[in-house]
Amino acid sequence: MKWLKQHYEAWLIALARKILIDRNVARSAVVSRRDNNDMWAMAERLKQIESRIKTAYKHI
C-alpha cells in the first residue's frame, strides 16, 4: 500500500510539472519572461522531488 501511495503522489507531482513545462512559451502576452523562467525552475525542482518520493528518500 505504501508503494502505491508513493507512486500516486509522484504521479500527481509529475502532472503538475507537466503543466508548468507546457506553459513554457518563448513569447506570450499573458506570461512574463520572469514568470516563465520561474515556472521552468519550479518544474525542475518538482522533478527532483518526484524522484525522491519514488525512491522513498533512499538516495539522499
PDB file of N, CA and C in Angstrom:
ATOM      1  N   MET A   1       0.827  -1.198   0.000  1.00  0.00           N
ATOM      2  CA  MET A   1       0.000   0.000   0.000  1.00  0.00           C
ATOM      3  C   MET A   1       0.866   1.254   0.000  1.00  0.00           C
ATOM      4  N   LYS A   2       1.971   1.209   0.754  1.00  0.00           N
ATOM      5  CA  LYS A   2       2.853   2.367   0.821  1.00  0.00           C
ATOM      6  C   LYS A   2       3.452   2.682  -0.552  1.00  0.00           C
ATOM      7  N   TRP A   3       3.843   1.617  -1.283  1.00  0.00           N
ATOM      8  CA  TRP A   3       4.412   1.797  -2.623  1.00  0.00           C
ATOM      9  C   TRP A   3       3.415   2.485  -3.543  1.00  0.00           C
ATOM     10  N   LEU A   4       2.154   2.063  -3.486  1.00  0.00           N
ATOM     11  CA  LEU A   4       1.108   2.646  -4.324  1.00  0.00           C
ATOM     12  C   LEU A   4       0.909   4.123  -3.993  1.00  0.00           C
ATOM     13  N   LYS A   5       0.897   4.462  -2.721  1.00  0.00           N
ATOM     14  CA  LYS A   5       0.731   5.857  -2.309  1.00  0.00           C
ATOM     15  C   LYS A   5       1.902   6.701  -2.791  1.00  0.00           C
ATOM     16  N   GLN A   6       3.115   6.174  -2.661  1.00  0.00           N
ATOM     17  CA  GLN A   6       4.291   6.921  -3.114  1.00  0.00           C
ATOM     18  C   GLN A   6       4.210   7.199  -4.608  1.00  0.00           C
ATOM     19  N   HIS A   7       3.841   6.195  -5.383  1.00  0.00           N
ATOM     20  CA  HIS A   7       3.796   6.378  -6.828  1.00  0.00           C
ATOM     21  C   HIS A   7       2.619   7.256  -7.257  1.00  0.00           C
ATOM     22  N   TYR A   8       1.531   7.206  -6.534  1.00  0.00           N
ATOM     23  CA  TYR A   8       0.396   8.089  -6.823  1.00  0.00           C
ATOM     24  C   TYR A   8       0.785   9.546  -6.557  1.00  0.00           C
ATOM     25  N   GLU A   9       1.429   9.802  -5.433  1.00  0.00           N
ATOM     26  CA  GLU A   9       1.880  11.155  -5.124  1.00  0.00           C
ATOM     27  C   GLU A   9       2.916  11.627  -6.138  1.00  0.00           C
ATOM     28  N   ALA A  10       3.816  10.746  -6.520  1.00  0.00           N
ATOM     29  CA  ALA A  10       4.815  11.095  -7.531  1.00  0.00           C
ATOM     30  C   ALA A  10       4.136  11.406  -8.859  1.00  0.00           C
ATOM     31  N   TRP A  11       3.078  10.665  -9.201  1.00  0.00           N
ATOM     32  CA  TRP A  11       2.341  10.920 -10.437  1.00  0.00           C
ATOM     33  C   TRP A  11       1.675  12.297 -10.400  1.00  0.00           C
ATOM     34  N   LEU A  12       1.117  12.668  -9.263  1.00  0.00           N
ATOM     35  CA  LEU A  12       0.498  13.989  -9.144  1.00  0.00           C
ATOM     36  C   LEU A  12       1.526  15.103  -9.313  1.00  0.00           C
ATOM     37  N   ILE A  13       2.703  14.897  -8.749  1.00  0.00           N
ATOM     38  CA  ILE A  13       3.773  15.882  -8.910  1.00  0.00           C
ATOM     39  C   ILE A  13       4.214  15.938 -10.364  1.00  0.00           C
ATOM     40  N   ALA A  14       4.289  14.792 -11.022  1.00  0.00           N
ATOM     41  CA  ALA A  14       4.650  14.756 -12.442  1.00  0.00           C
ATOM     42  C   ALA A  14       3.622  15.503 -13.281  1.00  0.00           C
ATOM     43  N   LEU A  15       2.364  15.378 -12.924  1.00  0.00           N
ATOM     44  CA  LEU A  15       1.304  16.104 -13.633  1.00  0.00           C
ATOM     45  C   LEU A  15       1.478  17.615 -13.468  1.00  0.00           C
ATOM     46  N   ALA A  16       1.746  18.051 -12.247  1.00  0.00           N
ATOM     47  CA  ALA A  16       1.973  19.479 -12.001  1.00  0.00           C
ATOM     48  C   ALA A  16       3.195  19.967 -12.780  1.00  0.00           C
ATOM     49  N   ARG A  17       4.240  19.145 -12.815  1.00  0.00           N
ATOM     50  CA  ARG A  17       5.456  19.501 -13.553  1.00  0.00           C
ATOM     51  C   ARG A  17       5.150  19.639 -15.042  1.00  0.00           C
ATOM     52  N   LYS A  18       4.351  18.721 -15.582  1.00  0.00           N
ATOM     53  CA  LYS A  18       3.993  18.775 -16.998  1.00  0.00           C
ATOM     54  C   LYS A  18       3.203  20.041 -17.310  1.00  0.00           C
ATOM     55  N   ILE A  19       2.304  20.402 -16.429  1.00  0.00           N
ATOM     56  CA  ILE A  19       1.524  21.635 -16.640  1.00  0.00           C
ATOM     57  C   ILE A  19       2.457  22.835 -16.682  1.00  0.00           C
ATOM     58  N   LEU A  20       3.409  22.892 -15.761  1.00  0.00           N
ATOM     59  CA  LEU A  20       4.345  24.018 -15.734  1.00  0.00           C
ATOM     60  C   LEU A  20       5.237  24.041 -16.968  1.00  0.00           C
ATOM     61  N   ILE A  21       5.731  22.897 -17.394  1.00  0.00           N
ATOM     62  CA  ILE A  21       6.596  22.835 -18.570  1.00  0.00           C
ATOM     63  C   ILE A  21       5.813  23.225 -19.818  1.00  0.00           C
ATOM     64  N   ASP A  22       4.569  22.773 -19.919  1.00  0.00           N
ATOM     65  CA  ASP A  22       3.758  23.094 -21.096  1.00  0.00           C
ATOM     66  C   ASP A  22       3.412  24.574 -21.178  1.00  0.00           C
ATOM     67  N   ARG A  23       3.486  25.266 -20.049  1.00  0.00           N
ATOM     68  CA  ARG A  23       3.240  26.716 -20.052  1.00  0.00           C
ATOM     69  C   ARG A  23       4.463  27.479 -20.537  1.00  0.00           C
ATOM     70  N   ASN A  24       5.577  26.799 -20.706  1.00  0.00           N
ATOM     71  CA  ASN A  24       6.812  27.436 -21.149  1.00  0.00           C
ATOM     72  C   ASN A  24       6.652  27.881 -22.602  1.00  0.00           C
ATOM     73  N   VAL A  25       6.649  29.177 -22.801  1.00  0.00           N
ATOM     74  CA  VAL A  25       6.483  29.739 -24.139  1.00  0.00           C
ATOM     75  C   VAL A  25       7.551  30.795 -24.374  1.00  0.00           C
ATOM     76  N   ALA A  26       7.972  30.922 -25.606  1.00  0.00           N
ATOM     77  CA  ALA A  26       9.010  31.901 -25.933  1.00  0.00           C
ATOM     78  C   ALA A  26       8.488  33.337 -25.780  1.00  0.00           C
ATOM     79  N   ARG A  27       7.365  33.602 -26.344  1.00  0.00           N
ATOM     80  CA  ARG A  27       6.750  34.927 -26.234  1.00  0.00           C
ATOM     81  C   ARG A  27       5.268  34.753 -25.924  1.00  0.00           C
ATOM     82  N   SER A  28       4.784  35.463 -24.953  1.00  0.00           N
ATOM     83  CA  SER A  28       3.386  35.359 -24.585  1.00  0.00           C
ATOM     84  C   SER A  28       2.887  36.699 -24.069  1.00  0.00           C
ATOM     85  N   ALA A  29       1.678  37.014 -24.433  1.00  0.00           N
ATOM     86  CA  ALA A  29       1.078  38.265 -23.964  1.00  0.00           C
ATOM     87  C   ALA A  29       0.601  38.166 -22.525  1.00  0.00           C
ATOM     88  N   VAL A  30       0.423  36.941 -22.021  1.00  0.00           N
ATOM     89  CA  VAL A  30      -0.132  36.778 -20.679  1.00  0.00           C
ATOM     90  C   VAL A  30       0.876  36.282 -19.645  1.00  0.00           C
ATOM     91  N   VAL A  31       2.005  35.742 -20.076  1.00  0.00           N
ATOM     92  CA  VAL A  31       3.013  35.246 -19.143  1.00  0.00           C
ATOM     93  C   VAL A  31       4.309  36.017 -19.365  1.00  0.00           C
ATOM     94  N   SER A  32       4.781  36.652 -18.297  1.00  0.00           N
ATOM     95  CA  SER A  32       6.024  37.412 -18.420  1.00  0.00           C
ATOM     96  C   SER A  32       7.212  36.462 -18.516  1.00  0.00           C
ATOM     97  N   ARG A  33       8.307  36.966 -19.010  1.00  0.00           N
ATOM     98  CA  ARG A  33       9.522  36.152 -19.139  1.00  0.00           C
ATOM     99  C   ARG A  33       9.983  35.670 -17.760  1.00  0.00           C
ATOM    100  N   ARG A  34       9.883  36.551 -16.767  1.00  0.00           N
ATOM    101  CA  ARG A  34      10.296  36.173 -15.407  1.00  0.00           C
ATOM    102  C   ARG A  34       9.430  35.037 -14.875  1.00  0.00           C
ATOM    103  N   ASP A  35       8.103  35.155 -15.040  1.00  0.00           N
ATOM    104  CA  ASP A  35       7.206  34.090 -14.582  1.00  0.00           C
ATOM    105  C   ASP A  35       7.466  32.800 -15.348  1.00  0.00           C
ATOM    106  N   ASN A  36       7.741  32.931 -16.633  1.00  0.00           N
ATOM    107  CA  ASN A  36       8.041  31.762 -17.449  1.00  0.00           C
ATOM    108  C   ASN A  36       9.297  31.057 -16.924  1.00  0.00           C
ATOM    109  N   ASN A  37      10.326  31.816 -16.620  1.00  0.00           N
ATOM    110  CA  ASN A  37      11.558  31.243 -16.070  1.00  0.00           C
ATOM    111  C   ASN A  37      11.317  30.622 -14.698  1.00  0.00           C
ATOM    112  N   ASP A  38      10.503  31.282 -13.882  1.00  0.00           N
ATOM    113  CA  ASP A  38      10.180  30.741 -12.558  1.00  0.00           C
ATOM    114  C   ASP A  38       9.431  29.408 -12.670  1.00  0.00           C
ATOM    115  N   MET A  39       8.498  29.326 -13.613  1.00  0.00           N
ATOM    116  CA  MET A  39       7.749  28.079 -13.785  1.00  0.00           C
ATOM    117  C   MET A  39       8.673  26.959 -14.242  1.00  0.00           C
ATOM    118  N   TRP A  40       9.627  27.280 -15.099  1.00  0.00           N
ATOM    119  CA  TRP A  40      10.582  26.266 -15.558  1.00  0.00           C
ATOM    120  C   TRP A  40      11.425  25.770 -14.377  1.00  0.00           C
ATOM    121  N   ALA A  41      11.881  26.700 -13.541  1.00  0.00           N
ATOM    122  CA  ALA A  41      12.684  26.314 -12.374  1.00  0.00           C
ATOM    123  C   ALA A  41      11.860  25.475 -11.401  1.00  0.00           C
ATOM    124  N   MET A  42      10.591  25.834 -11.207  1.00  0.00           N
ATOM    125  CA  MET A  42       9.720  25.045 -10.335  1.00  0.00           C
ATOM    126  C   MET A  42       9.545  23.634 -10.876  1.00  0.00           C
ATOM    127  N   ALA A  43       9.394  23.522 -12.170  1.00  0.00           N
ATOM    128  CA  ALA A  43       9.224  22.206 -12.786  1.00  0.00           C
ATOM    129  C   ALA A  43      10.467  21.348 -12.565  1.00  0.00           C
ATOM    130  N   GLU A  44      11.639  21.948 -12.657  1.00  0.00           N
ATOM    131  CA  GLU A  44      12.873  21.197 -12.414  1.00  0.00           C
ATOM    132  C   GLU A  44      12.950  20.722 -10.970  1.00  0.00           C
ATOM    133  N   ARG A  45      12.552  21.586 -10.039  1.00  0.00           N
ATOM    134  CA  ARG A  45      12.567  21.197  -8.625  1.00  0.00           C
ATOM    135  C   ARG A  45      11.545  20.098  -8.344  1.00  0.00           C
ATOM    136  N   LEU A  46      10.375  20.189  -9.004  1.00  0.00           N
ATOM    137  CA  LEU A  46       9.363  19.153  -8.825  1.00  0.00           C
ATOM    138  C   LEU A  46       9.856  17.807  -9.335  1.00  0.00           C
ATOM    139  N   LYS A  47      10.638  17.807 -10.400  1.00  0.00           N
ATOM    140  CA  LYS A  47      11.192  16.557 -10.921  1.00  0.00           C
ATOM    141  C   LYS A  47      12.102  15.899  -9.879  1.00  0.00           C
ATOM    142  N   GLN A  48      12.894  16.703  -9.188  1.00  0.00           N
ATOM    143  CA  GLN A  48      13.767  16.174  -8.147  1.00  0.00           C
ATOM    144  C   GLN A  48      12.951  15.607  -6.983  1.00  0.00           C
ATOM    145  N   ILE A  49      11.915  16.319  -6.588  1.00  0.00           N
ATOM    146  CA  ILE A  49      11.047  15.851  -5.501  1.00  0.00           C
ATOM    147  C   ILE A  49      10.356  14.551  -5.902  1.00  0.00           C
ATOM    148  N   GLU A  50       9.878  14.503  -7.138  1.00  0.00           N
ATOM    149  CA  GLU A  50       9.219  13.305  -7.640  1.00  0.00           C
ATOM    150  C   GLU A  50      10.134  12.084  -7.551  1.00  0.00           C
ATOM    151  N   SER A  51      11.377  12.240  -7.951  1.00  0.00           N
ATOM    152  CA  SER A  51      12.297  11.099  -7.916  1.00  0.00           C
ATOM    153  C   SER A  51      12.600  10.679  -6.479  1.00  0.00           C
ATOM    154  N   ARG A  52      12.690  11.634  -5.552  1.00  0.00           N
ATOM    155  CA  ARG A  52      12.925  11.281  -4.148  1.00  0.00           C
ATOM    156  C   ARG A  52      11.741  10.531  -3.560  1.00  0.00           C
ATOM    157  N   ILE A  53      10.533  10.940  -3.919  1.00  0.00           N
ATOM    158  CA  ILE A  53       9.342  10.253  -3.415  1.00  0.00           C
ATOM    159  C   ILE A  53       9.287   8.832  -3.957  1.00  0.00           C
ATOM    160  N   LYS A  54       9.573   8.660  -5.243  1.00  0.00           N
ATOM    161  CA  LYS A  54       9.530   7.327  -5.846  1.00  0.00           C
ATOM    162  C   LYS A  54      10.530   6.365  -5.193  1.00  0.00           C
ATOM    163  N   THR A  55      11.670   6.886  -4.789  1.00  0.00           N
ATOM    164  CA  THR A  55      12.689   6.022  -4.184  1.00  0.00           C
ATOM    165  C   THR A  55      12.603   6.017  -2.659  1.00  0.00           C
ATOM    166  N   ALA A  56      11.534   6.576  -2.121  1.00  0.00           N
ATOM    167  CA  ALA A  56      11.312   6.617  -0.674  1.00  0.00           C
ATOM    168  C   ALA A  56      12.467   7.270   0.053  1.00  0.00           C
ATOM    169  N   TYR A  57      13.068   8.265  -0.542  1.00  0.00           N
ATOM    170  CA  TYR A  57      14.147   9.069   0.050  1.00  0.00           C
ATOM    171  C   TYR A  57      15.362   8.223   0.423  1.00  0.00           C
ATOM    172  N   LYS A  58      15.624   7.176  -0.343  1.00  0.00           N
ATOM    173  CA  LYS A  58      16.775   6.300  -0.059  1.00  0.00           C
ATOM    174  C   LYS A  58      18.073   6.830  -0.613  1.00  0.00           C
ATOM    175  N   HIS A  59      18.016   7.775  -1.541  1.00  0.00           N
ATOM    176  CA  HIS A  59      19.228   8.268  -2.200  1.00  0.00           C
ATOM    177  C   HIS A  59      19.583   9.689  -1.793  1.00  0.00           C
ATOM    178  N   ILE A  60      19.296  10.031  -0.563  1.00  0.00           N
ATOM    179  CA  ILE A  60      19.614  11.392  -0.097  1.00  0.00           C
ATOM    180  C   ILE A  60      20.986  11.403   0.521  1.00  0.00           C
TER     181      ILE A  60
END
